[in-house]
C-alpha cells in the first residue's frame, strides 16, 4: 500500500489524478469511500481524471466512454475493455492504494 493523499484532499464526486511510481491513477471519493482506477481510458488512452463522474461511473471527456467505479468495466461505448481497479484503504484520514489490480 502506498500513501497517496489525505481523504480531506479529495472532493466528493470529483476525479483526482495522480501518479504512483509510473502508474497513472485516478481517485474518486464518494462519501467515506474512495475508488482507484487506472487513469487511462481503454478506448482512447486519455486521462479519465479529466472526465466527470456520472450515474454510470467515470466518463471519459472525449468520446463518452464510461467506466464502473467498482469494477472498471465499461458501462457505455465506445470502450469495450475494462480499466484496472486498485484496492484502497483509508487509515487515520490517509488514502492508501495498492497497485495490484482487483479485476
PDB file of N, CA and C in Angstrom:
ATOM      1  N   UNK A   1       0.836  -1.188   0.000  1.00  0.00           N
ATOM      2  CA  UNK A   1       0.000   0.000   0.000  1.00  0.00           C
ATOM      3  C   UNK A   1       0.878   1.248   0.000  1.00  0.00           C
ATOM      4  N   UNK A   2       0.515   2.165  -0.859  1.00  0.00           N
ATOM      5  CA  UNK A   2       1.259   3.415  -0.994  1.00  0.00           C
ATOM      6  C   UNK A   2       0.393   4.579  -0.524  1.00  0.00           C
ATOM      7  N   UNK A   3       0.886   5.429   0.374  1.00  0.00           N
ATOM      8  CA  UNK A   3       0.109   6.605   0.759  1.00  0.00           C
ATOM      9  C   UNK A   3       0.024   7.571  -0.417  1.00  0.00           C
ATOM     10  N   UNK A   4      -1.194   8.074  -0.678  1.00  0.00           N
ATOM     11  CA  UNK A   4      -1.405   8.943  -1.841  1.00  0.00           C
ATOM     12  C   UNK A   4      -1.760  10.361  -1.434  1.00  0.00           C
ATOM     13  N   UNK A   5      -2.723  10.501  -0.541  1.00  0.00           N
ATOM     14  CA  UNK A   5      -3.169  11.831  -0.125  1.00  0.00           C
ATOM     15  C   UNK A   5      -4.036  11.681   1.118  1.00  0.00           C
ATOM     16  N   UNK A   6      -4.412  12.807   1.672  1.00  0.00           N
ATOM     17  CA  UNK A   6      -5.371  12.808   2.777  1.00  0.00           C
ATOM     18  C   UNK A   6      -6.782  12.705   2.199  1.00  0.00           C
ATOM     19  N   UNK A   7      -7.668  12.037   2.897  1.00  0.00           N
ATOM     20  CA  UNK A   7      -9.062  11.942   2.457  1.00  0.00           C
ATOM     21  C   UNK A   7      -9.651  13.335   2.261  1.00  0.00           C
ATOM     22  N   UNK A   8      -9.267  14.267   3.113  1.00  0.00           N
ATOM     23  CA  UNK A   8      -9.781  15.640   3.025  1.00  0.00           C
ATOM     24  C   UNK A   8      -9.308  16.380   1.769  1.00  0.00           C
ATOM     25  N   UNK A   9      -8.287  15.837   1.081  1.00  0.00           N
ATOM     26  CA  UNK A   9      -7.813  16.442  -0.173  1.00  0.00           C
ATOM     27  C   UNK A   9      -8.744  16.135  -1.346  1.00  0.00           C
ATOM     28  N   UNK A  10      -9.623  15.158  -1.179  1.00  0.00           N
ATOM     29  CA  UNK A  10     -10.496  14.716  -2.271  1.00  0.00           C
ATOM     30  C   UNK A  10     -11.881  15.334  -2.147  1.00  0.00           C
ATOM     31  N   UNK A  11     -12.352  15.952  -3.222  1.00  0.00           N
ATOM     32  CA  UNK A  11     -13.709  16.488  -3.264  1.00  0.00           C
ATOM     33  C   UNK A  11     -14.656  15.369  -3.667  1.00  0.00           C
ATOM     34  N   UNK A  12     -15.791  15.285  -3.001  1.00  0.00           N
ATOM     35  CA  UNK A  12     -16.776  14.242  -3.289  1.00  0.00           C
ATOM     36  C   UNK A  12     -17.232  14.310  -4.752  1.00  0.00           C
ATOM     37  N   UNK A  13     -17.094  13.187  -5.467  1.00  0.00           N
ATOM     38  CA  UNK A  13     -17.581  13.103  -6.840  1.00  0.00           C
ATOM     39  C   UNK A  13     -16.720  13.776  -7.887  1.00  0.00           C
ATOM     40  N   UNK A  14     -15.521  14.234  -7.502  1.00  0.00           N
ATOM     41  CA  UNK A  14     -14.641  14.902  -8.465  1.00  0.00           C
ATOM     42  C   UNK A  14     -13.377  14.061  -8.661  1.00  0.00           C
ATOM     43  N   UNK A  15     -13.061  13.673  -9.906  1.00  0.00           N
ATOM     44  CA  UNK A  15     -11.864  12.868 -10.150  1.00  0.00           C
ATOM     45  C   UNK A  15     -10.588  13.605  -9.742  1.00  0.00           C
ATOM     46  N   UNK A  16      -9.664  12.842  -9.174  1.00  0.00           N
ATOM     47  CA  UNK A  16      -8.378  13.369  -8.723  1.00  0.00           C
ATOM     48  C   UNK A  16      -7.280  12.511  -9.338  1.00  0.00           C
ATOM     49  N   UNK A  17      -6.537  13.063 -10.292  1.00  0.00           N
ATOM     50  CA  UNK A  17      -5.486  12.316 -10.971  1.00  0.00           C
ATOM     51  C   UNK A  17      -4.150  12.466 -10.284  1.00  0.00           C
ATOM     52  N   UNK A  18      -3.409  11.356 -10.230  1.00  0.00           N
ATOM     53  CA  UNK A  18      -2.076  11.358  -9.634  1.00  0.00           C
ATOM     54  C   UNK A  18      -1.268  10.242 -10.278  1.00  0.00           C
ATOM     55  N   UNK A  19      -0.013  10.147  -9.915  1.00  0.00           N
ATOM     56  CA  UNK A  19       0.818   9.032 -10.357  1.00  0.00           C
ATOM     57  C   UNK A  19       1.417   8.373  -9.134  1.00  0.00           C
ATOM     58  N   UNK A  20       1.413   7.051  -9.158  1.00  0.00           N
ATOM     59  CA  UNK A  20       2.069   6.274  -8.118  1.00  0.00           C
ATOM     60  C   UNK A  20       3.194   5.535  -8.832  1.00  0.00           C
ATOM     61  N   UNK A  21       4.416   5.978  -8.580  1.00  0.00           N
ATOM     62  CA  UNK A  21       5.528   5.475  -9.390  1.00  0.00           C
ATOM     63  C   UNK A  21       5.316   5.961 -10.810  1.00  0.00           C
ATOM     64  N   UNK A  22       5.217   5.020 -11.735  1.00  0.00           N
ATOM     65  CA  UNK A  22       4.955   5.405 -13.125  1.00  0.00           C
ATOM     66  C   UNK A  22       3.549   5.005 -13.573  1.00  0.00           C
ATOM     67  N   UNK A  23       2.663   4.719 -12.613  1.00  0.00           N
ATOM     68  CA  UNK A  23       1.293   4.300 -12.927  1.00  0.00           C
ATOM     69  C   UNK A  23       0.337   5.480 -12.730  1.00  0.00           C
ATOM     70  N   UNK A  24      -0.372   5.885 -13.783  1.00  0.00           N
ATOM     71  CA  UNK A  24      -1.372   6.943 -13.620  1.00  0.00           C
ATOM     72  C   UNK A  24      -2.611   6.380 -12.916  1.00  0.00           C
ATOM     73  N   UNK A  25      -3.050   7.068 -11.871  1.00  0.00           N
ATOM     74  CA  UNK A  25      -4.184   6.610 -11.061  1.00  0.00           C
ATOM     75  C   UNK A  25      -5.159   7.765 -10.896  1.00  0.00           C
ATOM     76  N   UNK A  26      -6.454   7.451 -10.994  1.00  0.00           N
ATOM     77  CA  UNK A  26      -7.488   8.437 -10.703  1.00  0.00           C
ATOM     78  C   UNK A  26      -8.250   7.961  -9.467  1.00  0.00           C
ATOM     79  N   UNK A  27      -8.413   8.865  -8.513  1.00  0.00           N
ATOM     80  CA  UNK A  27      -9.194   8.593  -7.309  1.00  0.00           C
ATOM     81  C   UNK A  27     -10.529   9.311  -7.419  1.00  0.00           C
ATOM     82  N   UNK A  28     -11.584   8.638  -6.960  1.00  0.00           N
ATOM     83  CA  UNK A  28     -12.905   9.249  -6.916  1.00  0.00           C
ATOM     84  C   UNK A  28     -13.489   8.988  -5.536  1.00  0.00           C
ATOM     85  N   UNK A  29     -13.755  10.061  -4.823  1.00  0.00           N
ATOM     86  CA  UNK A  29     -14.364   9.949  -3.493  1.00  0.00           C
ATOM     87  C   UNK A  29     -15.871   9.970  -3.624  1.00  0.00           C
ATOM     88  N   UNK A  30     -16.516   9.050  -2.895  1.00  0.00           N
ATOM     89  CA  UNK A  30     -17.975   9.035  -2.761  1.00  0.00           C
ATOM     90  C   UNK A  30     -18.266   8.881  -1.277  1.00  0.00           C
ATOM     91  N   UNK A  31     -18.472  10.002  -0.618  1.00  0.00           N
ATOM     92  CA  UNK A  31     -18.661   9.973   0.830  1.00  0.00           C
ATOM     93  C   UNK A  31     -17.380   9.548   1.518  1.00  0.00           C
ATOM     94  N   UNK A  32     -17.457   8.478   2.318  1.00  0.00           N
ATOM     95  CA  UNK A  32     -16.286   7.972   3.024  1.00  0.00           C
ATOM     96  C   UNK A  32     -15.572   6.881   2.244  1.00  0.00           C
ATOM     97  N   UNK A  33     -16.018   6.607   1.046  1.00  0.00           N
ATOM     98  CA  UNK A  33     -15.406   5.577   0.209  1.00  0.00           C
ATOM     99  C   UNK A  33     -14.608   6.226  -0.919  1.00  0.00           C
ATOM    100  N   UNK A  34     -13.470   5.613  -1.265  1.00  0.00           N
ATOM    101  CA  UNK A  34     -12.640   6.110  -2.356  1.00  0.00           C
ATOM    102  C   UNK A  34     -12.380   4.966  -3.327  1.00  0.00           C
ATOM    103  N   UNK A  35     -12.564   5.249  -4.609  1.00  0.00           N
ATOM    104  CA  UNK A  35     -12.291   4.289  -5.672  1.00  0.00           C
ATOM    105  C   UNK A  35     -11.003   4.708  -6.369  1.00  0.00           C
ATOM    106  N   UNK A  36     -10.204   3.720  -6.789  1.00  0.00           N
ATOM    107  CA  UNK A  36      -8.973   3.995  -7.532  1.00  0.00           C
ATOM    108  C   UNK A  36      -8.979   3.182  -8.822  1.00  0.00           C
ATOM    109  N   UNK A  37      -8.796   3.862  -9.938  1.00  0.00           N
ATOM    110  CA  UNK A  37      -8.755   3.224 -11.242  1.00  0.00           C
ATOM    111  C   UNK A  37      -7.513   3.703 -11.989  1.00  0.00           C
ATOM    112  N   UNK A  38      -7.108   2.920 -12.980  1.00  0.00           N
ATOM    113  CA  UNK A  38      -6.021   3.372 -13.861  1.00  0.00           C
ATOM    114  C   UNK A  38      -6.526   4.604 -14.599  1.00  0.00           C
ATOM    115  N   UNK A  39      -5.733   5.650 -14.577  1.00  0.00           N
ATOM    116  CA  UNK A  39      -6.139   6.932 -15.150  1.00  0.00           C
ATOM    117  C   UNK A  39      -5.844   6.961 -16.650  1.00  0.00           C
ATOM    118  N   UNK A  40      -6.456   6.015 -17.362  1.00  0.00           N
ATOM    119  CA  UNK A  40      -6.246   5.936 -18.802  1.00  0.00           C
ATOM    120  C   UNK A  40      -7.434   5.213 -19.437  1.00  0.00           C
ATOM    121  N   UNK A  41      -8.153   5.907 -20.281  1.00  0.00           N
ATOM    122  CA  UNK A  41      -9.294   5.314 -20.988  1.00  0.00           C
ATOM    123  C   UNK A  41      -8.797   4.152 -21.847  1.00  0.00           C
ATOM    124  N   UNK A  42      -9.465   3.016 -21.766  1.00  0.00           N
ATOM    125  CA  UNK A  42      -9.055   1.844 -22.538  1.00  0.00           C
ATOM    126  C   UNK A  42      -9.392   1.987 -24.022  1.00  0.00           C
ATOM    127  N   UNK A  43     -10.169   2.990 -24.365  1.00  0.00           N
ATOM    128  CA  UNK A  43     -10.525   3.211 -25.767  1.00  0.00           C
ATOM    129  C   UNK A  43      -9.558   4.177 -26.450  1.00  0.00           C
ATOM    130  N   UNK A  44      -9.313   5.315 -25.828  1.00  0.00           N
ATOM    131  CA  UNK A  44      -8.538   6.368 -26.494  1.00  0.00           C
ATOM    132  C   UNK A  44      -7.262   6.760 -25.764  1.00  0.00           C
ATOM    133  N   UNK A  45      -6.922   6.060 -24.668  1.00  0.00           N
ATOM    134  CA  UNK A  45      -5.706   6.325 -23.908  1.00  0.00           C
ATOM    135  C   UNK A  45      -5.603   7.773 -23.438  1.00  0.00           C
ATOM    136  N   UNK A  46      -6.709   8.328 -23.006  1.00  0.00           N
ATOM    137  CA  UNK A  46      -6.752   9.686 -22.453  1.00  0.00           C
ATOM    138  C   UNK A  46      -6.929   9.613 -20.945  1.00  0.00           C
ATOM    139  N   UNK A  47      -6.605  10.687 -20.245  1.00  0.00           N
ATOM    140  CA  UNK A  47      -6.745  10.711 -18.795  1.00  0.00           C
ATOM    141  C   UNK A  47      -8.217  10.742 -18.392  1.00  0.00           C
ATOM    142  N   UNK A  48      -8.632   9.727 -17.638  1.00  0.00           N
ATOM    143  CA  UNK A  48     -10.009   9.709 -17.130  1.00  0.00           C
ATOM    144  C   UNK A  48     -10.228  10.787 -16.069  1.00  0.00           C
ATOM    145  N   UNK A  49      -9.154  11.214 -15.412  1.00  0.00           N
ATOM    146  CA  UNK A  49      -9.279  12.249 -14.383  1.00  0.00           C
ATOM    147  C   UNK A  49      -9.733  13.581 -14.960  1.00  0.00           C
ATOM    148  N   UNK A  50      -9.667  13.730 -16.280  1.00  0.00           N
ATOM    149  CA  UNK A  50     -10.157  14.943 -16.921  1.00  0.00           C
ATOM    150  C   UNK A  50     -11.639  14.839 -17.281  1.00  0.00           C
ATOM    151  N   UNK A  51     -12.231  13.695 -16.999  1.00  0.00           N
ATOM    152  CA  UNK A  51     -13.654  13.488 -17.259  1.00  0.00           C
ATOM    153  C   UNK A  51     -14.492  13.848 -16.045  1.00  0.00           C
ATOM    154  N   UNK A  52     -15.688  13.265 -15.987  1.00  0.00           N
ATOM    155  CA  UNK A  52     -16.562  13.554 -14.854  1.00  0.00           C
ATOM    156  C   UNK A  52     -17.260  12.297 -14.372  1.00  0.00           C
ATOM    157  N   UNK A  53     -17.694  12.353 -13.119  1.00  0.00           N
ATOM    158  CA  UNK A  53     -18.419  11.240 -12.515  1.00  0.00           C
ATOM    159  C   UNK A  53     -19.899  11.420 -12.829  1.00  0.00           C
ATOM    160  N   UNK A  54     -20.507  10.359 -13.366  1.00  0.00           N
ATOM    161  CA  UNK A  54     -21.932  10.365 -13.685  1.00  0.00           C
ATOM    162  C   UNK A  54     -22.600   9.214 -12.950  1.00  0.00           C
ATOM    163  N   UNK A  55     -23.887   9.031 -13.179  1.00  0.00           N
ATOM    164  CA  UNK A  55     -24.602   7.906 -12.585  1.00  0.00           C
ATOM    165  C   UNK A  55     -24.112   6.561 -13.074  1.00  0.00           C
ATOM    166  N   UNK A  56     -23.450   6.546 -14.233  1.00  0.00           N
ATOM    167  CA  UNK A  56     -22.921   5.295 -14.797  1.00  0.00           C
ATOM    168  C   UNK A  56     -21.481   5.025 -14.381  1.00  0.00           C
ATOM    169  N   UNK A  57     -20.795   6.013 -13.832  1.00  0.00           N
ATOM    170  CA  UNK A  57     -19.406   5.839 -13.431  1.00  0.00           C
ATOM    171  C   UNK A  57     -18.555   7.015 -13.829  1.00  0.00           C
ATOM    172  N   UNK A  58     -17.305   6.729 -14.192  1.00  0.00           N
ATOM    173  CA  UNK A  58     -16.366   7.769 -14.594  1.00  0.00           C
ATOM    174  C   UNK A  58     -16.361   7.857 -16.116  1.00  0.00           C
ATOM    175  N   UNK A  59     -16.737   9.030 -16.623  1.00  0.00           N
ATOM    176  CA  UNK A  59     -16.906   9.228 -18.065  1.00  0.00           C
ATOM    177  C   UNK A  59     -15.696   9.923 -18.670  1.00  0.00           C
ATOM    178  N   UNK A  60     -15.169   9.335 -19.741  1.00  0.00           N
ATOM    179  CA  UNK A  60     -14.067   9.946 -20.479  1.00  0.00           C
ATOM    180  C   UNK A  60     -14.589  11.188 -21.197  1.00  0.00           C
ATOM    181  N   UNK A  61     -13.816  12.245 -21.166  1.00  0.00           N
ATOM    182  CA  UNK A  61     -14.270  13.534 -21.694  1.00  0.00           C
ATOM    183  C   UNK A  61     -14.350  13.585 -23.212  1.00  0.00           C
ATOM    184  N   UNK A  62     -13.621  12.735 -23.939  1.00  0.00           N
ATOM    185  CA  UNK A  62     -13.572  12.882 -25.387  1.00  0.00           C
ATOM    186  C   UNK A  62     -14.703  12.151 -26.118  1.00  0.00           C
ATOM    187  N   UNK A  63     -14.832  10.850 -25.894  1.00  0.00           N
ATOM    188  CA  UNK A  63     -15.826  10.062 -26.641  1.00  0.00           C
ATOM    189  C   UNK A  63     -16.993   9.578 -25.786  1.00  0.00           C
ATOM    190  N   UNK A  64     -16.945   9.845 -24.475  1.00  0.00           N
ATOM    191  CA  UNK A  64     -18.062   9.469 -23.618  1.00  0.00           C
ATOM    192  C   UNK A  64     -18.030   8.054 -23.085  1.00  0.00           C
ATOM    193  N   UNK A  65     -16.917   7.323 -23.290  1.00  0.00           N
ATOM    194  CA  UNK A  65     -16.809   6.004 -22.664  1.00  0.00           C
ATOM    195  C   UNK A  65     -16.950   6.181 -21.163  1.00  0.00           C
ATOM    196  N   UNK A  66     -17.639   5.244 -20.527  1.00  0.00           N
ATOM    197  CA  UNK A  66     -17.897   5.357 -19.104  1.00  0.00           C
ATOM    198  C   UNK A  66     -17.476   4.062 -18.420  1.00  0.00           C
ATOM    199  N   UNK A  67     -16.854   4.164 -17.244  1.00  0.00           N
ATOM    200  CA  UNK A  67     -16.315   3.009 -16.547  1.00  0.00           C
ATOM    201  C   UNK A  67     -16.882   2.922 -15.127  1.00  0.00           C
ATOM    202  N   UNK A  68     -17.321   1.707 -14.762  1.00  0.00           N
ATOM    203  CA  UNK A  68     -17.853   1.444 -13.426  1.00  0.00           C
ATOM    204  C   UNK A  68     -16.736   1.683 -12.404  1.00  0.00           C
ATOM    205  N   UNK A  69     -17.025   2.431 -11.352  1.00  0.00           N
ATOM    206  CA  UNK A  69     -16.011   2.768 -10.355  1.00  0.00           C
ATOM    207  C   UNK A  69     -15.564   1.562  -9.551  1.00  0.00           C
ATOM    208  N   UNK A  70     -16.430   0.563  -9.395  1.00  0.00           N
ATOM    209  CA  UNK A  70     -16.101  -0.612  -8.581  1.00  0.00           C
ATOM    210  C   UNK A  70     -15.384  -1.696  -9.368  1.00  0.00           C
ATOM    211  N   UNK A  71     -15.734  -1.847 -10.647  1.00  0.00           N
ATOM    212  CA  UNK A  71     -15.200  -2.970 -11.428  1.00  0.00           C
ATOM    213  C   UNK A  71     -14.296  -2.549 -12.573  1.00  0.00           C
ATOM    214  N   UNK A  72     -14.360  -1.300 -12.977  1.00  0.00           N
ATOM    215  CA  UNK A  72     -13.595  -0.831 -14.127  1.00  0.00           C
ATOM    216  C   UNK A  72     -14.205  -1.204 -15.457  1.00  0.00           C
ATOM    217  N   UNK A  73     -15.316  -1.932 -15.432  1.00  0.00           N
ATOM    218  CA  UNK A  73     -15.968  -2.375 -16.668  1.00  0.00           C
ATOM    219  C   UNK A  73     -16.580  -1.188 -17.398  1.00  0.00           C
ATOM    220  N   UNK A  74     -16.495  -1.199 -18.720  1.00  0.00           N
ATOM    221  CA  UNK A  74     -17.129  -0.110 -19.474  1.00  0.00           C
ATOM    222  C   UNK A  74     -18.644  -0.237 -19.390  1.00  0.00           C
ATOM    223  N   UNK A  75     -19.288   0.870 -19.080  1.00  0.00           N
ATOM    224  CA  UNK A  75     -20.755   0.867 -18.978  1.00  0.00           C
ATOM    225  C   UNK A  75     -21.383   1.677 -20.099  1.00  0.00           C
ATOM    226  N   UNK A  76     -20.542   2.257 -20.957  1.00  0.00           N
ATOM    227  CA  UNK A  76     -21.033   2.995 -22.117  1.00  0.00           C
ATOM    228  C   UNK A  76     -19.956   2.938 -23.197  1.00  0.00           C
ATOM    229  N   UNK A  77     -20.366   2.771 -24.452  1.00  0.00           N
ATOM    230  CA  UNK A  77     -19.399   2.708 -25.550  1.00  0.00           C
ATOM    231  C   UNK A  77     -18.781   4.092 -25.803  1.00  0.00           C
ATOM    232  N   UNK A  78     -17.703   4.155 -26.551  1.00  0.00           N
ATOM    233  CA  UNK A  78     -17.176   3.125 -27.434  1.00  0.00           C
ATOM    234  C   UNK A  78     -16.188   2.154 -26.784  1.00  0.00           C
ATOM    235  N   UNK A  79     -15.793   2.344 -25.522  1.00  0.00           N
ATOM    236  CA  UNK A  79     -14.852   1.421 -24.883  1.00  0.00           C
ATOM    237  C   UNK A  79     -15.478   0.035 -24.735  1.00  0.00           C
ATOM    238  N   UNK A  80     -14.664  -0.987 -24.946  1.00  0.00           N
ATOM    239  CA  UNK A  80     -15.122  -2.363 -24.766  1.00  0.00           C
ATOM    240  C   UNK A  80     -14.270  -3.117 -23.755  1.00  0.00           C
ATOM    241  N   UNK A  81     -13.112  -2.550 -23.393  1.00  0.00           N
ATOM    242  CA  UNK A  81     -12.200  -3.180 -22.439  1.00  0.00           C
ATOM    243  C   UNK A  81     -12.252  -2.435 -21.103  1.00  0.00           C
ATOM    244  N   UNK A  82     -12.175  -3.166 -19.987  1.00  0.00           N
ATOM    245  CA  UNK A  82     -12.169  -2.504 -18.678  1.00  0.00           C
ATOM    246  C   UNK A  82     -10.853  -1.797 -18.408  1.00  0.00           C
ATOM    247  N   UNK A  83     -10.861  -0.932 -17.408  1.00  0.00           N
ATOM    248  CA  UNK A  83      -9.634  -0.337 -16.890  1.00  0.00           C
ATOM    249  C   UNK A  83      -9.343  -0.996 -15.543  1.00  0.00           C
ATOM    250  N   UNK A  84      -8.065  -1.002 -15.150  1.00  0.00           N
ATOM    251  CA  UNK A  84      -7.683  -1.607 -13.877  1.00  0.00           C
ATOM    252  C   UNK A  84      -8.299  -0.843 -12.713  1.00  0.00           C
ATOM    253  N   UNK A  85      -8.716  -1.602 -11.701  1.00  0.00           N
ATOM    254  CA  UNK A  85      -9.217  -1.047 -10.446  1.00  0.00           C
ATOM    255  C   UNK A  85      -8.257  -1.503  -9.353  1.00  0.00           C
ATOM    256  N   UNK A  86      -7.903  -0.588  -8.462  1.00  0.00           N
ATOM    257  CA  UNK A  86      -6.931  -0.882  -7.419  1.00  0.00           C
ATOM    258  C   UNK A  86      -7.580  -0.804  -6.038  1.00  0.00           C
ATOM    259  N   UNK A  87      -7.137  -1.667  -5.099  1.00  0.00           N
ATOM    260  CA  UNK A  87      -7.652  -1.610  -3.733  1.00  0.00           C
ATOM    261  C   UNK A  87      -7.253  -0.310  -3.030  1.00  0.00           C
ATOM    262  N   UNK A  88      -8.175   0.209  -2.249  1.00  0.00           N
ATOM    263  CA  UNK A  88      -7.946   1.439  -1.483  1.00  0.00           C
ATOM    264  C   UNK A  88      -8.218   1.156  -0.012  1.00  0.00           C
ATOM    265  N   UNK A  89      -7.353   1.671   0.830  1.00  0.00           N
ATOM    266  CA  UNK A  89      -7.556   1.612   2.272  1.00  0.00           C
ATOM    267  C   UNK A  89      -7.450   3.034   2.803  1.00  0.00           C
ATOM    268  N   UNK A  90      -8.318   3.358   3.751  1.00  0.00           N
ATOM    269  CA  UNK A  90      -8.251   4.670   4.410  1.00  0.00           C
ATOM    270  C   UNK A  90      -7.946   4.422   5.878  1.00  0.00           C
ATOM    271  N   UNK A  91      -6.817   4.960   6.319  1.00  0.00           N
ATOM    272  CA  UNK A  91      -6.387   4.783   7.702  1.00  0.00           C
ATOM    273  C   UNK A  91      -6.008   6.138   8.271  1.00  0.00           C
ATOM    274  N   UNK A  92      -6.629   6.486   9.386  1.00  0.00           N
ATOM    275  CA  UNK A  92      -6.343   7.756  10.061  1.00  0.00           C
ATOM    276  C   UNK A  92      -6.424   8.943   9.109  1.00  0.00           C
ATOM    277  N   UNK A  93      -7.425   8.925   8.204  1.00  0.00           N
ATOM    278  CA  UNK A  93      -7.646  10.033   7.295  1.00  0.00           C
ATOM    279  C   UNK A  93      -6.709  10.071   6.103  1.00  0.00           C
ATOM    280  N   UNK A  94      -5.866   9.055   5.947  1.00  0.00           N
ATOM    281  CA  UNK A  94      -4.913   8.976   4.836  1.00  0.00           C
ATOM    282  C   UNK A  94      -5.391   7.905   3.851  1.00  0.00           C
ATOM    283  N   UNK A  95      -5.303   8.203   2.542  1.00  0.00           N
ATOM    284  CA  UNK A  95      -5.712   7.282   1.483  1.00  0.00           C
ATOM    285  C   UNK A  95      -4.491   6.516   0.993  1.00  0.00           C
ATOM    286  N   UNK A  96      -4.594   5.182   1.009  1.00  0.00           N
ATOM    287  CA  UNK A  96      -3.537   4.301   0.530  1.00  0.00           C
ATOM    288  C   UNK A  96      -4.067   3.491  -0.643  1.00  0.00           C
ATOM    289  N   UNK A  97      -3.216   3.280  -1.650  1.00  0.00           N
ATOM    290  CA  UNK A  97      -3.594   2.500  -2.822  1.00  0.00           C
ATOM    291  C   UNK A  97      -2.586   1.377  -3.027  1.00  0.00           C
ATOM    292  N   UNK A  98      -3.114   0.192  -3.325  1.00  0.00           N
ATOM    293  CA  UNK A  98      -2.301  -0.979  -3.682  1.00  0.00           C
ATOM    294  C   UNK A  98      -2.378  -1.117  -5.196  1.00  0.00           C
ATOM    295  N   UNK A  99      -1.245  -1.143  -5.879  1.00  0.00           N
ATOM    296  CA  UNK A  99      -1.249  -1.189  -7.341  1.00  0.00           C
ATOM    297  C   UNK A  99      -1.449  -2.596  -7.915  1.00  0.00           C
ATOM    298  N   UNK A 100      -1.894  -3.529  -7.101  1.00  0.00           N
ATOM    299  CA  UNK A 100      -2.264  -4.847  -7.602  1.00  0.00           C
ATOM    300  C   UNK A 100      -3.720  -4.784  -8.032  1.00  0.00           C
ATOM    301  N   UNK A 101      -4.003  -4.849  -9.350  1.00  0.00           N
ATOM    302  CA  UNK A 101      -5.405  -4.736  -9.812  1.00  0.00           C
ATOM    303  C   UNK A 101      -6.293  -5.817  -9.215  1.00  0.00           C
ATOM    304  N   UNK A 102      -7.536  -5.443  -8.903  1.00  0.00           N
ATOM    305  CA  UNK A 102      -8.503  -6.413  -8.359  1.00  0.00           C
ATOM    306  C   UNK A 102      -9.388  -6.997  -9.455  1.00  0.00           C
ATOM    307  N   UNK A 103      -9.282  -6.512 -10.677  1.00  0.00           N
ATOM    308  CA  UNK A 103     -10.126  -7.020 -11.752  1.00  0.00           C
ATOM    309  C   UNK A 103      -9.307  -7.715 -12.807  1.00  0.00           C
TER     310      UNK A 103
END
